[in-house]
C-alpha atoms as a PDB file:
ATOM      1  CA  MET A   1     -13.659 -27.684  69.992  1.00  0.00           C
ATOM      2  CA  LYS A   2     -14.128 -23.970  69.633  1.00  0.00           C
ATOM      3  CA  LYS A   3     -10.261 -23.544  68.400  1.00  0.00           C
ATOM      4  CA  ALA A   4     -11.175 -26.075  65.895  1.00  0.00           C
ATOM      5  CA  ILE A   5     -14.365 -24.251  64.846  1.00  0.00           C
ATOM      6  CA  GLY A   6     -12.397 -21.132  64.314  1.00  0.00           C
ATOM      7  CA  VAL A   7      -9.910 -22.492  62.089  1.00  0.00           C
ATOM      8  CA  VAL A   8     -12.507 -23.820  59.893  1.00  0.00           C
ATOM      9  CA  SER A   9     -14.428 -20.480  59.682  1.00  0.00           C
ATOM     10  CA  LEU A  10     -11.547 -18.886  58.704  1.00  0.00           C
ATOM     11  CA  ALA A  11     -10.171 -21.089  56.475  1.00  0.00           C
ATOM     12  CA  LEU A  12     -14.048 -20.892  54.874  1.00  0.00           C
ATOM     13  CA  LEU A  13     -13.693 -16.691  55.089  1.00  0.00           C
ATOM     14  CA  LEU A  14     -10.664 -17.127  52.827  1.00  0.00           C
ATOM     15  CA  MET A  15     -12.082 -18.933  50.343  1.00  0.00           C
ATOM     16  CA  THR A  16     -14.718 -16.905  50.013  1.00  0.00           C
ATOM     17  CA  ALA A  17     -12.602 -14.048  49.652  1.00  0.00           C
ATOM     18  CA  ALA A  18     -10.355 -15.616  47.251  1.00  0.00           C
ATOM     19  CA  CYS A  19     -13.706 -16.771  44.680  1.00  0.00           C
ATOM     20  CA  SER A  20     -14.902 -13.163  45.015  1.00  0.00           C
ATOM     21  CA  ASN A  21     -11.537 -11.317  44.022  1.00  0.00           C
ATOM     22  CA  ASN A  22     -11.408 -14.520  41.162  1.00  0.00           C
ATOM     23  CA  SER A  23     -14.874 -13.391  40.567  1.00  0.00           C
ATOM     24  CA  SER A  24     -13.997  -9.346  40.162  1.00  0.00           C
ATOM     25  CA  THR A  25     -10.821 -10.007  38.304  1.00  0.00           C
ATOM     26  CA  SER A  26     -12.637 -11.705  35.515  1.00  0.00           C
ATOM     27  CA  SER A  27     -15.901  -8.940  35.865  1.00  0.00           C
ATOM     28  CA  ALA A  28     -13.194  -6.273  35.755  1.00  0.00           C
ATOM     29  CA  GLY A  29     -11.035  -8.113  32.538  1.00  0.00           C
ATOM     30  CA  SER A  30     -14.429  -8.677  30.647  1.00  0.00           C
ATOM     31  CA  THR A  31     -15.679  -4.913  30.760  1.00  0.00           C
ATOM     32  CA  SER A  32     -12.276  -3.003  30.294  1.00  0.00           C
ATOM     33  CA  THR A  33     -11.221  -4.499  26.906  1.00  0.00           C
ATOM     34  CA  ILE A  34     -13.012  -3.901  24.044  1.00  0.00           C
ATOM     35  CA  ASN A  35     -11.970  -5.790  20.799  1.00  0.00           C
ATOM     36  CA  VAL A  36     -12.738  -3.951  17.600  1.00  0.00           C
ATOM     37  CA  PHE A  37     -12.058  -5.805  14.211  1.00  0.00           C
ATOM     38  CA  ALA A  38     -12.371  -2.867  11.561  1.00  0.00           C
ATOM     39  CA  ALA A  39     -10.979  -2.400   8.194  1.00  0.00           C
ATOM     40  CA  ALA A  40      -7.291  -1.901   6.933  1.00  0.00           C
ATOM     41  CA  SER A  41      -8.147   1.717   5.552  1.00  0.00           C
ATOM     42  CA  LEU A  42      -9.283   2.473   9.072  1.00  0.00           C
ATOM     43  CA  THR A  43      -5.993   1.814  10.595  1.00  0.00           C
ATOM     44  CA  ASP A  44      -4.483   5.342  11.475  1.00  0.00           C
ATOM     45  CA  ALA A  45      -8.177   7.037  12.209  1.00  0.00           C
ATOM     46  CA  PHE A  46      -9.190   3.949  14.722  1.00  0.00           C
ATOM     47  CA  THR A  47      -5.644   4.058  16.501  1.00  0.00           C
ATOM     48  CA  LYS A  48      -5.986   8.210  17.001  1.00  0.00           C
ATOM     49  CA  ILE A  49     -10.007   7.461  17.715  1.00  0.00           C
ATOM     50  CA  GLY A  50      -8.678   4.680  20.430  1.00  0.00           C
ATOM     51  CA  ASP A  51      -6.377   6.512  22.103  1.00  0.00           C
ATOM     52  CA  ASP A  52      -8.767   9.614  22.298  1.00  0.00           C
ATOM     53  CA  TYR A  53     -11.543   6.745  23.755  1.00  0.00           C
ATOM     54  CA  GLN A  54      -8.915   5.453  26.322  1.00  0.00           C
ATOM     55  CA  ALA A  55      -7.824   9.491  27.582  1.00  0.00           C
ATOM     56  CA  ALA A  56     -12.007   9.590  28.071  1.00  0.00           C
ATOM     57  CA  ASN A  57     -12.928   6.215  29.628  1.00  0.00           C
ATOM     58  CA  ALA A  58     -10.006   5.376  32.201  1.00  0.00           C
ATOM     59  CA  GLY A  59      -9.357   1.948  32.680  1.00  0.00           C
ATOM     60  CA  THR A  60     -10.763   0.755  29.122  1.00  0.00           C
ATOM     61  CA  LYS A  61      -8.235  -0.556  27.048  1.00  0.00           C
ATOM     62  CA  VAL A  62      -9.275  -1.026  23.065  1.00  0.00           C
ATOM     63  CA  ILE A  63      -7.296  -3.344  21.351  1.00  0.00           C
ATOM     64  CA  PHE A  64      -7.769  -3.502  17.369  1.00  0.00           C
ATOM     65  CA  ASN A  65      -7.656  -6.193  14.571  1.00  0.00           C
ATOM     66  CA  PHE A  66      -7.023  -4.619  11.324  1.00  0.00           C
ATOM     67  CA  GLY A  67      -7.459  -6.274   7.718  1.00  0.00           C
ATOM     68  CA  SER A  68      -9.645  -6.902   4.797  1.00  0.00           C
ATOM     69  CA  SER A  69     -13.193  -6.819   5.986  1.00  0.00           C
ATOM     70  CA  THR A  70     -13.684  -9.935   3.975  1.00  0.00           C
ATOM     71  CA  ASP A  71     -11.521 -11.950   5.804  1.00  0.00           C
ATOM     72  CA  LEU A  72     -12.548 -10.161   9.376  1.00  0.00           C
ATOM     73  CA  ALA A  73     -15.977 -11.150   8.472  1.00  0.00           C
ATOM     74  CA  THR A  74     -15.076 -14.875   8.499  1.00  0.00           C
ATOM     75  CA  SER A  75     -12.673 -14.460  11.283  1.00  0.00           C
ATOM     76  CA  ILE A  76     -15.613 -12.984  13.422  1.00  0.00           C
ATOM     77  CA  GLY A  77     -17.759 -15.829  12.121  1.00  0.00           C
ATOM     78  CA  SER A  78     -15.677 -18.565  13.395  1.00  0.00           C
ATOM     79  CA  GLU A  79     -13.367 -17.194  16.564  1.00  0.00           C
ATOM     80  CA  GLY A  80     -16.017 -15.337  18.388  1.00  0.00           C
ATOM     81  CA  THR A  81     -13.528 -12.909  20.117  1.00  0.00           C
ATOM     82  CA  ALA A  82     -15.097  -9.359  18.178  1.00  0.00           C
ATOM     83  CA  ASP A  83     -16.991  -6.928  20.175  1.00  0.00           C
ATOM     84  CA  VAL A  84     -17.124  -4.263  17.620  1.00  0.00           C
ATOM     85  CA  PHE A  85     -16.795  -4.406  13.535  1.00  0.00           C
ATOM     86  CA  ALA A  86     -16.134  -1.624  11.463  1.00  0.00           C
ATOM     87  CA  SER A  87     -16.420  -2.929   7.573  1.00  0.00           C
ATOM     88  CA  ALA A  88     -15.594  -0.701   4.525  1.00  0.00           C
ATOM     89  CA  SER A  89     -17.841  -3.333   2.944  1.00  0.00           C
ATOM     90  CA  GLY A  90     -21.834  -3.411   3.332  1.00  0.00           C
ATOM     91  CA  ALA A  91     -21.746  -6.810   2.037  1.00  0.00           C
ATOM     92  CA  ALA A  92     -19.156  -7.932   4.726  1.00  0.00           C
ATOM     93  CA  MET A  93     -21.159  -6.743   7.680  1.00  0.00           C
ATOM     94  CA  ASP A  94     -24.231  -8.826   6.152  1.00  0.00           C
ATOM     95  CA  THR A  95     -22.257 -11.493   6.964  1.00  0.00           C
ATOM     96  CA  VAL A  96     -21.492 -11.120  10.252  1.00  0.00           C
ATOM     97  CA  GLN A  97     -25.163 -10.084  10.570  1.00  0.00           C
ATOM     98  CA  SER A  98     -26.330 -13.142   9.385  1.00  0.00           C
ATOM     99  CA  ALA A  99     -23.649 -14.729  11.902  1.00  0.00           C
ATOM    100  CA  PRO A 100     -23.261 -14.647  14.894  1.00  0.00           C
ATOM    101  CA  GLY A 101     -25.502 -11.457  14.287  1.00  0.00           C
ATOM    102  CA  VAL A 102     -25.093  -7.297  15.078  1.00  0.00           C
ATOM    103  CA  SER A 103     -26.880  -4.974  17.160  1.00  0.00           C
ATOM    104  CA  ASP A 104     -26.602  -1.059  16.880  1.00  0.00           C
ATOM    105  CA  ARG A 105     -25.877  -1.460  12.821  1.00  0.00           C
ATOM    106  CA  GLN A 106     -25.164   2.388  11.572  1.00  0.00           C
ATOM    107  CA  ASN A 107     -23.082   3.712   8.741  1.00  0.00           C
ATOM    108  CA  PHE A 108     -20.350   6.097  10.412  1.00  0.00           C
ATOM    109  CA  ALA A 109     -18.286   7.206   7.128  1.00  0.00           C
ATOM    110  CA  THR A 110     -17.614   7.224   3.794  1.00  0.00           C
ATOM    111  CA  ASN A 111     -14.524   6.789   1.212  1.00  0.00           C
ATOM    112  CA  SER A 112     -13.833   7.602  -2.393  1.00  0.00           C
ATOM    113  CA  LEU A 113     -11.541   6.007  -4.555  1.00  0.00           C
ATOM    114  CA  VAL A 114      -8.318   7.726  -6.392  1.00  0.00           C
ATOM    115  CA  ILE A 115      -5.539   7.032  -8.362  1.00  0.00           C
ATOM    116  CA  ILE A 116      -1.786   6.834  -7.206  1.00  0.00           C
ATOM    117  CA  THR A 117       1.502   7.226  -8.851  1.00  0.00           C
ATOM    118  CA  PRO A 118       5.223   7.436  -7.730  1.00  0.00           C
ATOM    119  CA  PRO A 119       5.655  11.276  -7.326  1.00  0.00           C
ATOM    120  CA  ASP A 120       7.434  11.374 -10.790  1.00  0.00           C
ATOM    121  CA  ASN A 121       4.160   9.884 -12.716  1.00  0.00           C
ATOM    122  CA  PRO A 122       6.202   7.669 -14.832  1.00  0.00           C
ATOM    123  CA  ALA A 123       3.268   6.585 -16.854  1.00  0.00           C
ATOM    124  CA  ASN A 124       1.956   9.975 -17.360  1.00  0.00           C
ATOM    125  CA  ILE A 125      -1.897   8.728 -15.644  1.00  0.00           C
ATOM    126  CA  GLN A 126      -3.811  11.725 -16.299  1.00  0.00           C
ATOM    127  CA  SER A 127      -7.156  10.070 -15.838  1.00  0.00           C
ATOM    128  CA  ILE A 128      -8.701   6.416 -14.801  1.00  0.00           C
ATOM    129  CA  LYS A 129      -9.206   5.840 -18.551  1.00  0.00           C
ATOM    130  CA  ASP A 130      -5.120   6.270 -18.990  1.00  0.00           C
ATOM    131  CA  LEU A 131      -4.880   2.622 -16.694  1.00  0.00           C
ATOM    132  CA  GLY A 132      -5.976   1.049 -19.923  1.00  0.00           C
ATOM    133  CA  ASN A 133      -2.863   2.270 -22.013  1.00  0.00           C
ATOM    134  CA  PRO A 134      -0.680  -0.852 -22.946  1.00  0.00           C
ATOM    135  CA  GLY A 135       2.302  -1.112 -20.773  1.00  0.00           C
ATOM    136  CA  VAL A 136       1.013   0.374 -17.669  1.00  0.00           C
ATOM    137  CA  LYS A 137       1.976  -1.539 -13.865  1.00  0.00           C
ATOM    138  CA  LEU A 138      -1.140  -1.581 -12.350  1.00  0.00           C
ATOM    139  CA  VAL A 139      -1.710  -2.612  -9.006  1.00  0.00           C
ATOM    140  CA  LEU A 140      -5.307  -3.522  -7.264  1.00  0.00           C
ATOM    141  CA  ALA A 141      -6.100  -5.154  -3.946  1.00  0.00           C
ATOM    142  CA  ALA A 142      -6.939  -8.571  -4.534  1.00  0.00           C
ATOM    143  CA  ASP A 143     -11.009  -9.564  -6.019  1.00  0.00           C
ATOM    144  CA  SER A 144     -13.234  -9.889  -2.725  1.00  0.00           C
ATOM    145  CA  VAL A 145     -11.283  -7.152  -1.094  1.00  0.00           C
ATOM    146  CA  PRO A 146     -13.656  -4.322  -0.685  1.00  0.00           C
ATOM    147  CA  VAL A 147     -11.155  -1.668  -1.914  1.00  0.00           C
ATOM    148  CA  GLY A 148      -9.916  -3.909  -4.809  1.00  0.00           C
ATOM    149  CA  ASP A 149     -14.003  -4.630  -5.462  1.00  0.00           C
ATOM    150  CA  TYR A 150     -14.680  -1.111  -5.675  1.00  0.00           C
ATOM    151  CA  ALA A 151     -11.778  -0.308  -8.324  1.00  0.00           C
ATOM    152  CA  ARG A 152     -12.773  -3.332 -10.616  1.00  0.00           C
ATOM    153  CA  GLU A 153     -16.277  -1.162 -10.462  1.00  0.00           C
ATOM    154  CA  ALA A 154     -14.812   2.230 -11.251  1.00  0.00           C
ATOM    155  CA  LEU A 155     -12.704   0.617 -14.222  1.00  0.00           C
ATOM    156  CA  LYS A 156     -16.205  -0.909 -15.679  1.00  0.00           C
ATOM    157  CA  ASN A 157     -17.867   2.598 -15.503  1.00  0.00           C
ATOM    158  CA  ALA A 158     -15.131   4.046 -16.919  1.00  0.00           C
ATOM    159  CA  GLY A 159     -15.021   1.208 -19.940  1.00  0.00           C
ATOM    160  CA  VAL A 160     -11.778   0.361 -19.824  1.00  0.00           C
ATOM    161  CA  SER A 161     -12.175  -2.951 -17.481  1.00  0.00           C
ATOM    162  CA  ASN A 162     -10.877  -5.434 -19.994  1.00  0.00           C
ATOM    163  CA  ALA A 163      -7.342  -3.435 -21.362  1.00  0.00           C
ATOM    164  CA  ALA A 164      -6.299  -2.093 -17.574  1.00  0.00           C
ATOM    165  CA  MET A 165      -6.984  -5.813 -15.805  1.00  0.00           C
ATOM    166  CA  LYS A 166      -4.424  -6.892 -18.562  1.00  0.00           C
ATOM    167  CA  ASN A 167      -1.882  -4.069 -16.834  1.00  0.00           C
ATOM    168  CA  VAL A 168      -3.033  -5.763 -13.530  1.00  0.00           C
ATOM    169  CA  VAL A 169       0.919  -6.690 -12.280  1.00  0.00           C
ATOM    170  CA  SER A 170       0.037  -7.544  -8.859  1.00  0.00           C
ATOM    171  CA  ASN A 171      -3.441  -8.187  -6.374  1.00  0.00           C
ATOM    172  CA  GLU A 172      -2.312  -7.261  -2.989  1.00  0.00           C
ATOM    173  CA  THR A 173      -4.261  -8.331   0.291  1.00  0.00           C
ATOM    174  CA  ASP A 174      -5.485  -4.953   1.522  1.00  0.00           C
ATOM    175  CA  ASP A 175      -5.376  -1.296   0.795  1.00  0.00           C
ATOM    176  CA  ALA A 176      -2.030  -0.808   2.496  1.00  0.00           C
ATOM    177  CA  ALA A 177      -0.310  -3.220   0.851  1.00  0.00           C
ATOM    178  CA  THR A 178      -1.353  -1.830  -2.563  1.00  0.00           C
ATOM    179  CA  VAL A 179       0.063   1.757  -1.157  1.00  0.00           C
ATOM    180  CA  ALA A 180       3.444   0.082  -0.753  1.00  0.00           C
ATOM    181  CA  LYS A 181       3.755  -1.106  -4.526  1.00  0.00           C
ATOM    182  CA  VAL A 182       3.634   2.267  -5.902  1.00  0.00           C
ATOM    183  CA  THR A 183       5.679   3.886  -2.659  1.00  0.00           C
ATOM    184  CA  SER A 184       8.621   0.819  -3.690  1.00  0.00           C
ATOM    185  CA  GLY A 185       8.434   2.169  -7.395  1.00  0.00           C
ATOM    186  CA  ASP A 186       7.253  -1.510  -8.259  1.00  0.00           C
ATOM    187  CA  ALA A 187       4.137   0.165  -9.653  1.00  0.00           C
ATOM    188  CA  ASP A 188       2.975   2.552 -12.291  1.00  0.00           C
ATOM    189  CA  ALA A 189      -0.306   3.385 -10.771  1.00  0.00           C
ATOM    190  CA  ALA A 190      -2.672   2.042  -8.505  1.00  0.00           C
ATOM    191  CA  ILE A 191      -6.471   2.529  -7.196  1.00  0.00           C
ATOM    192  CA  VAL A 192      -6.936   2.661  -3.366  1.00  0.00           C
ATOM    193  CA  TYR A 193      -8.927   5.040  -0.873  1.00  0.00           C
ATOM    194  CA  THR A 194      -8.857   8.794  -0.239  1.00  0.00           C
ATOM    195  CA  SER A 195      -7.958   8.069   3.028  1.00  0.00           C
ATOM    196  CA  ASP A 196      -5.187   6.172   1.940  1.00  0.00           C
ATOM    197  CA  VAL A 197      -3.647   9.326   0.134  1.00  0.00           C
ATOM    198  CA  ALA A 198      -4.250  11.399   3.563  1.00  0.00           C
ATOM    199  CA  ALA A 199      -2.093   8.673   5.419  1.00  0.00           C
ATOM    200  CA  ALA A 200       0.310   8.846   3.264  1.00  0.00           C
ATOM    201  CA  THR A 201       3.509  10.817   4.459  1.00  0.00           C
ATOM    202  CA  GLY A 202       5.359  13.187   3.147  1.00  0.00           C
ATOM    203  CA  ASN A 203       5.585  13.099  -0.793  1.00  0.00           C
ATOM    204  CA  GLN A 204       5.376   9.435  -1.389  1.00  0.00           C
ATOM    205  CA  VAL A 205       2.566   9.334  -4.059  1.00  0.00           C
ATOM    206  CA  HIS A 206       0.883  11.667  -6.456  1.00  0.00           C
ATOM    207  CA  SER A 207      -2.670  11.229  -6.746  1.00  0.00           C
ATOM    208  CA  VAL A 208      -4.885  11.424  -9.673  1.00  0.00           C
ATOM    209  CA  PRO A 209      -8.683  12.108  -9.126  1.00  0.00           C
ATOM    210  CA  ILE A 210     -11.096   9.746 -10.904  1.00  0.00           C
ATOM    211  CA  GLU A 211     -13.895  11.208 -12.486  1.00  0.00           C
ATOM    212  CA  ASP A 212     -17.365  11.942 -10.945  1.00  0.00           C
ATOM    213  CA  GLN A 213     -19.195  10.003 -13.385  1.00  0.00           C
ATOM    214  CA  TYR A 214     -16.373   6.584 -12.913  1.00  0.00           C
ATOM    215  CA  GLN A 215     -16.369   7.241  -9.004  1.00  0.00           C
ATOM    216  CA  VAL A 216     -17.323   4.601  -6.620  1.00  0.00           C
ATOM    217  CA  ILE A 217     -18.487   5.903  -2.753  1.00  0.00           C
ATOM    218  CA  ALA A 218     -17.467   3.294  -0.148  1.00  0.00           C
ATOM    219  CA  THR A 219     -19.817   3.301   2.725  1.00  0.00           C
ATOM    220  CA  TYR A 220     -18.713   2.106   6.029  1.00  0.00           C
ATOM    221  CA  PRO A 221     -20.853   0.630   8.607  1.00  0.00           C
ATOM    222  CA  ILE A 222     -20.163  -0.276  12.081  1.00  0.00           C
ATOM    223  CA  ALA A 223     -21.937  -2.407  14.846  1.00  0.00           C
ATOM    224  CA  VAL A 224     -21.771  -4.358  17.581  1.00  0.00           C
ATOM    225  CA  VAL A 225     -20.882  -7.944  17.256  1.00  0.00           C
ATOM    226  CA  THR A 226     -23.630 -10.418  19.160  1.00  0.00           C
ATOM    227  CA  GLY A 227     -21.874 -12.775  21.607  1.00  0.00           C
ATOM    228  CA  GLY A 228     -18.902 -10.566  22.064  1.00  0.00           C
ATOM    229  CA  ALA A 229     -17.439 -10.858  25.815  1.00  0.00           C
ATOM    230  CA  ASN A 230     -18.023  -6.484  26.016  1.00  0.00           C
ATOM    231  CA  ALA A 231     -21.427  -5.228  25.193  1.00  0.00           C
ATOM    232  CA  THR A 232     -21.709  -2.413  26.660  1.00  0.00           C
ATOM    233  CA  GLY A 233     -18.515  -1.489  26.574  1.00  0.00           C
ATOM    234  CA  ALA A 234     -18.695  -1.944  22.550  1.00  0.00           C
ATOM    235  CA  SER A 235     -22.120  -0.068  22.520  1.00  0.00           C
ATOM    236  CA  SER A 236     -20.239   3.035  24.125  1.00  0.00           C
ATOM    237  CA  PHE A 237     -17.034   2.595  21.260  1.00  0.00           C
ATOM    238  CA  VAL A 238     -19.790   2.819  18.366  1.00  0.00           C
ATOM    239  CA  ALA A 239     -21.435   5.937  20.133  1.00  0.00           C
ATOM    240  CA  TYR A 240     -17.853   7.330  20.371  1.00  0.00           C
ATOM    241  CA  VAL A 241     -17.182   6.927  16.850  1.00  0.00           C
ATOM    242  CA  MET A 242     -20.846   8.454  15.577  1.00  0.00           C
ATOM    243  CA  GLY A 243     -20.434  11.419  18.205  1.00  0.00           C
ATOM    244  CA  SER A 244     -18.461  14.341  17.373  1.00  0.00           C
ATOM    245  CA  ALA A 245     -15.153  13.574  18.509  1.00  0.00           C
ATOM    246  CA  GLY A 246     -14.979  10.104  16.317  1.00  0.00           C
ATOM    247  CA  GLN A 247     -16.817  12.177  13.356  1.00  0.00           C
ATOM    248  CA  THR A 248     -13.777  14.644  13.557  1.00  0.00           C
ATOM    249  CA  THR A 249     -10.814  12.294  13.521  1.00  0.00           C
ATOM    250  CA  LEU A 250     -12.633  10.760  10.955  1.00  0.00           C
ATOM    251  CA  ARG A 251     -12.797  13.694   8.698  1.00  0.00           C
ATOM    252  CA  THR A 252      -8.859  14.760   9.643  1.00  0.00           C
ATOM    253  CA  PHE A 253      -7.926  11.506   8.195  1.00  0.00           C
ATOM    254  CA  GLY A 254      -9.807  11.911   4.863  1.00  0.00           C
ATOM    255  CA  PHE A 255     -13.089   9.939   5.456  1.00  0.00           C
ATOM    256  CA  GLY A 256     -16.163  11.887   4.316  1.00  0.00           C
ATOM    257  CA  PRO A 257     -19.879  11.971   6.477  1.00  0.00           C
ATOM    258  CA  PRO A 258     -21.994   8.631   6.590  1.00  0.00           C
ATOM    259  CA  PRO A 259     -24.797   9.171   4.097  1.00  0.00           C
ATOM    260  CA  THR A 260     -27.560  10.798   4.850  1.00  0.00           C
ATOM    261  CA  SER A 261     -30.243   8.543   3.524  1.00  0.00           C
END
């Protein structure tokens, strides 16, 4: 009888240990990974920030999903897998704030617009108004993509919206695809973010500033997504982005400081 009781006790101990180990593994898995959904224009800057954050937080893995802020907002609402959302658009963040919800929402960076052309500037683009000249092959990000919306607003500010839109030969999914159309020689010009020029390697593009009176400044919000699996890690990552190390990296990649008010 004692032997039987000993066998049962041992079995119970093994089962308890197994359950304990499974619980620990699940807990570790849920707290060691931070899923960050971020605007495509943040790809290079956030990849560096992610590497630095992981180096400063041993055992933590930051996984990024980069894309159009509008598309990411839709995905967050349907998938529920994001811990952090970093958007190039306040409107996209508003969508996520409505459902599933956000907390610790802060503006962490700004970005300005710039015209890019191939290095030899074949259409002789000197200002935003030249984008309405006949025969210019213009590429924009698609309508509803933040950088595409900002570009259309800038063209409207310059009074050349109607003429320039007739020159649009392609509407791209995000700013990276828009830049690629110019570097491949498929377009004479495009309107993208200043950070996109900073990210371009070598002499792939020539940049033409947009006059201040026509300029549109993008403000980037970041927030912890309600219902994410790792709220603690998400808050920590947001704090890192807002801190001196994160802000320094963002400046290095061409982003401006967040608005002061």
